[in-house]
C-alpha atoms as a PDB file:
ATOM      1  CA  MET A   1     -13.187 -15.637  -7.115  1.00  0.00           C
ATOM      2  CA  VAL A   2     -10.940 -15.107 -10.166  1.00  0.00           C
ATOM      3  CA  GLN A   3      -7.214 -14.909  -9.425  1.00  0.00           C
ATOM      4  CA  GLY A   4      -5.405 -12.014 -11.075  1.00  0.00           C
ATOM      5  CA  ALA A   5      -2.131 -12.249 -12.975  1.00  0.00           C
ATOM      6  CA  LEU A   6      -0.123 -11.351  -9.877  1.00  0.00           C
ATOM      7  CA  GLU A   7      -0.285 -13.554  -6.785  1.00  0.00           C
ATOM      8  CA  GLY A   8      -1.812 -11.720  -3.859  1.00  0.00           C
ATOM      9  CA  TRP A   9      -3.911  -9.315  -5.895  1.00  0.00           C
ATOM     10  CA  LYS A  10      -7.210 -10.450  -7.195  1.00  0.00           C
ATOM     11  CA  ILE A  11     -10.372  -9.501  -8.924  1.00  0.00           C
ATOM     12  CA  GLU A  12     -13.269 -10.926  -6.925  1.00  0.00           C
ATOM     13  CA  THR A  13     -16.582 -11.789  -8.554  1.00  0.00           C
ATOM     14  CA  ASP A  14     -19.845 -13.005  -7.225  1.00  0.00           C
ATOM     15  CA  ALA A  15     -23.474 -12.919  -8.244  1.00  0.00           C
ATOM     16  CA  LEU A  16     -24.263  -9.825  -6.192  1.00  0.00           C
ATOM     17  CA  ALA A  17     -21.384  -7.783  -7.686  1.00  0.00           C
ATOM     18  CA  VAL A  18     -22.893  -8.208 -11.148  1.00  0.00           C
ATOM     19  CA  LEU A  19     -26.095  -6.547  -9.931  1.00  0.00           C
ATOM     20  CA  MET A  20     -24.381  -3.680  -8.126  1.00  0.00           C
ATOM     21  CA  LYS A  21     -23.307  -0.344  -9.597  1.00  0.00           C
ATOM     22  CA  SER A  22     -19.741   0.612 -10.349  1.00  0.00           C
ATOM     23  CA  GLU A  23     -18.234   2.555  -7.462  1.00  0.00           C
ATOM     24  CA  PHE A  24     -15.193   3.094  -5.253  1.00  0.00           C
ATOM     25  CA  LEU A  25     -15.637   1.241  -2.000  1.00  0.00           C
ATOM     26  CA  THR A  26     -12.757   2.902  -0.185  1.00  0.00           C
ATOM     27  CA  HIS A  27     -11.475   6.466  -0.064  1.00  0.00           C
ATOM     28  CA  LEU A  28      -8.348   7.548  -1.867  1.00  0.00           C
ATOM     29  CA  LYS A  29      -5.456   8.099   0.548  1.00  0.00           C
ATOM     30  CA  ILE A  30      -2.177   8.986  -1.167  1.00  0.00           C
ATOM     31  CA  GLN A  31       1.140  10.587  -0.391  1.00  0.00           C
ATOM     32  CA  GLU A  32       3.559  12.274  -2.725  1.00  0.00           C
ATOM     33  CA  GLY A  33       6.530  10.071  -3.633  1.00  0.00           C
ATOM     34  CA  GLU A  34      10.202  10.935  -3.634  1.00  0.00           C
ATOM     35  CA  LYS A  35      10.263  11.163  -7.442  1.00  0.00           C
ATOM     36  CA  GLU A  36       8.483  14.283  -8.673  1.00  0.00           C
ATOM     37  CA  GLY A  37       5.057  13.540 -10.122  1.00  0.00           C
ATOM     38  CA  THR A  38       4.661  10.196  -8.328  1.00  0.00           C
ATOM     39  CA  TRP A  39       2.306   9.252  -5.551  1.00  0.00           C
ATOM     40  CA  PHE A  40       1.713   6.080  -3.549  1.00  0.00           C
ATOM     41  CA  LEU A  41      -1.328   4.611  -1.850  1.00  0.00           C
ATOM     42  CA  LEU A  42      -1.391   4.788   1.939  1.00  0.00           C
ATOM     43  CA  GLU A  43      -4.285   2.306   2.015  1.00  0.00           C
ATOM     44  CA  PRO A  44      -5.697  -0.152  -0.539  1.00  0.00           C
ATOM     45  CA  LEU A  45      -8.100   1.344  -3.046  1.00  0.00           C
ATOM     46  CA  ILE A  46     -11.073  -0.927  -3.845  1.00  0.00           C
ATOM     47  CA  TYR A  47     -13.201  -0.360  -6.916  1.00  0.00           C
ATOM     48  CA  ARG A  48     -16.335  -2.330  -7.898  1.00  0.00           C
ATOM     49  CA  SER A  49     -16.739  -2.547 -11.673  1.00  0.00           C
ATOM     50  CA  GLU A  50     -19.665  -3.691 -13.787  1.00  0.00           C
ATOM     51  CA  ILE A  51     -17.226  -4.201 -16.673  1.00  0.00           C
ATOM     52  CA  LEU A  52     -15.031  -6.529 -14.541  1.00  0.00           C
ATOM     53  CA  LYS A  53     -18.100  -8.060 -12.900  1.00  0.00           C
ATOM     54  CA  GLY A  54     -16.357  -7.733  -9.568  1.00  0.00           C
ATOM     55  CA  GLU A  55     -13.957  -5.783  -7.418  1.00  0.00           C
ATOM     56  CA  ILE A  56     -10.327  -4.830  -7.876  1.00  0.00           C
ATOM     57  CA  ALA A  57      -8.161  -4.082  -4.855  1.00  0.00           C
ATOM     58  CA  ILE A  58      -5.134  -1.941  -5.625  1.00  0.00           C
ATOM     59  CA  PRO A  59      -2.601  -2.575  -2.864  1.00  0.00           C
ATOM     60  CA  LYS A  60      -1.224  -0.184  -0.318  1.00  0.00           C
ATOM     61  CA  GLY A  61       2.089   1.185  -1.549  1.00  0.00           C
ATOM     62  CA  PHE A  62       1.158   1.079  -5.240  1.00  0.00           C
ATOM     63  CA  VAL A  63       3.054   3.838  -7.062  1.00  0.00           C
ATOM     64  CA  THR A  64       1.173   5.944  -9.607  1.00  0.00           C
ATOM     65  CA  ASP A  65       1.570   9.193 -11.533  1.00  0.00           C
ATOM     66  CA  LEU A  66      -2.207   9.687 -11.321  1.00  0.00           C
ATOM     67  CA  ALA A  67      -3.700  10.958 -14.600  1.00  0.00           C
ATOM     68  CA  SER A  68      -0.791  11.756 -16.939  1.00  0.00           C
ATOM     69  CA  VAL A  69      -2.289  14.806 -18.626  1.00  0.00           C
ATOM     70  CA  PRO A  70       0.189  16.488 -20.982  1.00  0.00           C
ATOM     71  CA  ARG A  71       1.625  19.670 -19.463  1.00  0.00           C
ATOM     72  CA  VAL A  72       0.548  21.687 -22.485  1.00  0.00           C
ATOM     73  CA  PRO A  73      -1.121  24.668 -20.745  1.00  0.00           C
ATOM     74  CA  ILE A  74      -4.611  24.447 -22.299  1.00  0.00           C
ATOM     75  CA  PHE A  75      -4.798  20.646 -21.906  1.00  0.00           C
ATOM     76  CA  TYR A  76      -3.600  20.699 -18.320  1.00  0.00           C
ATOM     77  CA  MET A  77      -5.908  23.581 -17.454  1.00  0.00           C
ATOM     78  CA  LEU A  78      -8.893  21.637 -18.790  1.00  0.00           C
ATOM     79  CA  PHE A  79      -8.043  18.083 -17.681  1.00  0.00           C
ATOM     80  CA  GLY A  80      -5.290  18.178 -15.055  1.00  0.00           C
ATOM     81  CA  ASP A  81      -6.237  17.098 -11.508  1.00  0.00           C
ATOM     82  CA  ARG A  82      -9.621  15.827 -12.687  1.00  0.00           C
ATOM     83  CA  ALA A  83      -9.489  12.044 -12.321  1.00  0.00           C
ATOM     84  CA  HIS A  84      -7.225  10.953  -9.449  1.00  0.00           C
ATOM     85  CA  HIS A  85      -9.388   8.102  -8.133  1.00  0.00           C
ATOM     86  CA  GLU A  86     -10.178   6.906 -11.636  1.00  0.00           C
ATOM     87  CA  SER A  87      -6.576   6.918 -12.820  1.00  0.00           C
ATOM     88  CA  ILE A  88      -5.348   4.491 -10.161  1.00  0.00           C
ATOM     89  CA  PRO A  89      -7.145   1.328 -11.366  1.00  0.00           C
ATOM     90  CA  HIS A  90      -6.170   2.381 -14.911  1.00  0.00           C
ATOM     91  CA  ASP A  91      -2.488   2.761 -13.970  1.00  0.00           C
ATOM     92  CA  PHE A  92      -2.629  -0.544 -12.046  1.00  0.00           C
ATOM     93  CA  PHE A  93      -3.985  -2.379 -15.083  1.00  0.00           C
ATOM     94  CA  TYR A  94      -1.498  -0.682 -17.426  1.00  0.00           C
ATOM     95  CA  GLN A  95       1.378  -1.745 -15.172  1.00  0.00           C
ATOM     96  CA  THR A  96       0.241  -5.302 -14.367  1.00  0.00           C
ATOM     97  CA  HIS A  97      -1.473  -6.303 -17.644  1.00  0.00           C
ATOM     98  CA  GLN A  98      -4.186  -8.108 -15.631  1.00  0.00           C
ATOM     99  CA  VAL A  99      -6.568  -6.973 -18.369  1.00  0.00           C
ATOM    100  CA  THR A 100      -6.123  -5.794 -21.919  1.00  0.00           C
ATOM    101  CA  LYS A 101      -5.469  -2.144 -22.737  1.00  0.00           C
ATOM    102  CA  ALA A 102      -8.989  -1.853 -24.132  1.00  0.00           C
ATOM    103  CA  ILE A 103     -10.549  -3.151 -20.898  1.00  0.00           C
ATOM    104  CA  ALA A 104      -8.292  -0.910 -18.758  1.00  0.00           C
ATOM    105  CA  ASP A 105      -9.399   2.085 -20.830  1.00  0.00           C
ATOM    106  CA  LYS A 106     -13.072   1.128 -20.522  1.00  0.00           C
ATOM    107  CA  VAL A 107     -12.745   0.747 -16.750  1.00  0.00           C
ATOM    108  CA  PHE A 108     -11.196   4.239 -16.649  1.00  0.00           C
ATOM    109  CA  LEU A 109     -14.221   5.611 -18.522  1.00  0.00           C
ATOM    110  CA  GLU A 110     -16.629   3.630 -16.329  1.00  0.00           C
ATOM    111  CA  ALA A 111     -14.965   4.982 -13.146  1.00  0.00           C
ATOM    112  CA  MET A 112     -15.133   8.582 -14.359  1.00  0.00           C
ATOM    113  CA  LYS A 113     -18.861   8.175 -15.093  1.00  0.00           C
ATOM    114  CA  ALA A 114     -19.404   6.444 -11.715  1.00  0.00           C
ATOM    115  CA  ARG A 115     -17.831   9.429  -9.932  1.00  0.00           C
ATOM    116  CA  GLY A 116     -20.059  11.862 -11.806  1.00  0.00           C
ATOM    117  CA  LYS A 117     -17.541  13.432 -14.180  1.00  0.00           C
ATOM    118  CA  SER A 118     -19.194  15.431 -16.974  1.00  0.00           C
ATOM    119  CA  PHE A 119     -19.029  14.330 -20.627  1.00  0.00           C
ATOM    120  CA  GLY A 120     -16.685  17.290 -21.285  1.00  0.00           C
ATOM    121  CA  ILE A 121     -14.178  15.736 -18.865  1.00  0.00           C
ATOM    122  CA  TYR A 122     -14.639  11.994 -19.247  1.00  0.00           C
ATOM    123  CA  TRP A 123     -14.853  11.747 -23.043  1.00  0.00           C
ATOM    124  CA  PRO A 124     -11.621  13.684 -23.915  1.00  0.00           C
ATOM    125  CA  MET A 125      -9.726  11.899 -21.114  1.00  0.00           C
ATOM    126  CA  TYR A 126     -10.974   8.526 -22.306  1.00  0.00           C
ATOM    127  CA  MET A 127     -10.059   9.313 -25.940  1.00  0.00           C
ATOM    128  CA  GLY A 128      -6.652  10.493 -24.721  1.00  0.00           C
ATOM    129  CA  VAL A 129      -5.855   7.076 -23.245  1.00  0.00           C
ATOM    130  CA  VAL A 130      -7.403   5.206 -26.142  1.00  0.00           C
ATOM    131  CA  LEU A 131      -5.398   7.105 -28.731  1.00  0.00           C
ATOM    132  CA  GLY A 132      -2.246   7.927 -26.772  1.00  0.00           C
ATOM    133  CA  GLY A 133      -1.830   5.171 -24.202  1.00  0.00           C
ATOM    134  CA  ARG A 134      -0.300   2.357 -26.299  1.00  0.00           C
ATOM    135  CA  SER A 135       3.342   3.026 -25.288  1.00  0.00           C
ATOM    136  CA  SER A 136       2.369   3.445 -21.606  1.00  0.00           C
ATOM    137  CA  TYR A 137       0.541   0.136 -21.653  1.00  0.00           C
ATOM    138  CA  LYS A 138       3.452  -1.592 -23.372  1.00  0.00           C
ATOM    139  CA  SER A 139       6.039  -0.249 -20.910  1.00  0.00           C
ATOM    140  CA  GLY A 140       3.757  -0.681 -17.872  1.00  0.00           C
ATOM    141  CA  PRO A 141       5.372  -3.797 -16.336  1.00  0.00           C
ATOM    142  CA  GLU A 142       8.752  -2.048 -16.330  1.00  0.00           C
ATOM    143  CA  ARG A 143       7.228   0.749 -14.208  1.00  0.00           C
ATOM    144  CA  PHE A 144       5.276  -1.487 -11.797  1.00  0.00           C
ATOM    145  CA  LYS A 145       6.191  -0.737  -8.209  1.00  0.00           C
ATOM    146  CA  VAL A 146       4.633  -1.346  -4.804  1.00  0.00           C
ATOM    147  CA  LEU A 147       6.424   0.161  -1.802  1.00  0.00           C
ATOM    148  CA  ASN A 148       6.824  -1.970   1.290  1.00  0.00           C
ATOM    149  CA  SER A 149       4.568  -1.151   4.204  1.00  0.00           C
END
C-alpha cells in the first residue's frame, strides 16, 4: 500500500491490480452543491488505474466542478456533460497534488478510454487539460474541499 499525500486517502497497489484493467469500481453518486456549478460526492468514488498501478478512492463529500468545459457554445455543445466520472479523479489530483499534472491528465485520458468514450471526445478533452490546465493545477490546493458527512 502506498500512502497518498493526504492522511486518510490512499492509492492502494498490489500485484493483482497491475494485471487488471482500468475501471471505476463504484458508481458515481453526486448532488449539486450550494455554489452554482459545483457538485459533491454522496459516496466514495473508487477508480482502478493501470497508470497508477492501483486504486484511488475519492472521499465522500469531495467537491468538484466536474469537467470544466468552456461555456463557448460550440465547445460546450460538443464536450459538455461528457466526462463526469472521469473528471472526478482528475479534479481530485489537481486539488491534492498527489500526482503530477502530467499523471493527472494521463489518468483522465485513461479513464475516458476505460469508459468507452470515442476518440472524438477523449482526445480533444485530454488536449484541453494538457494545454489549458496549468493554472487550475497550480491553484488546486486552494480549492480543495471535502464536506463533512
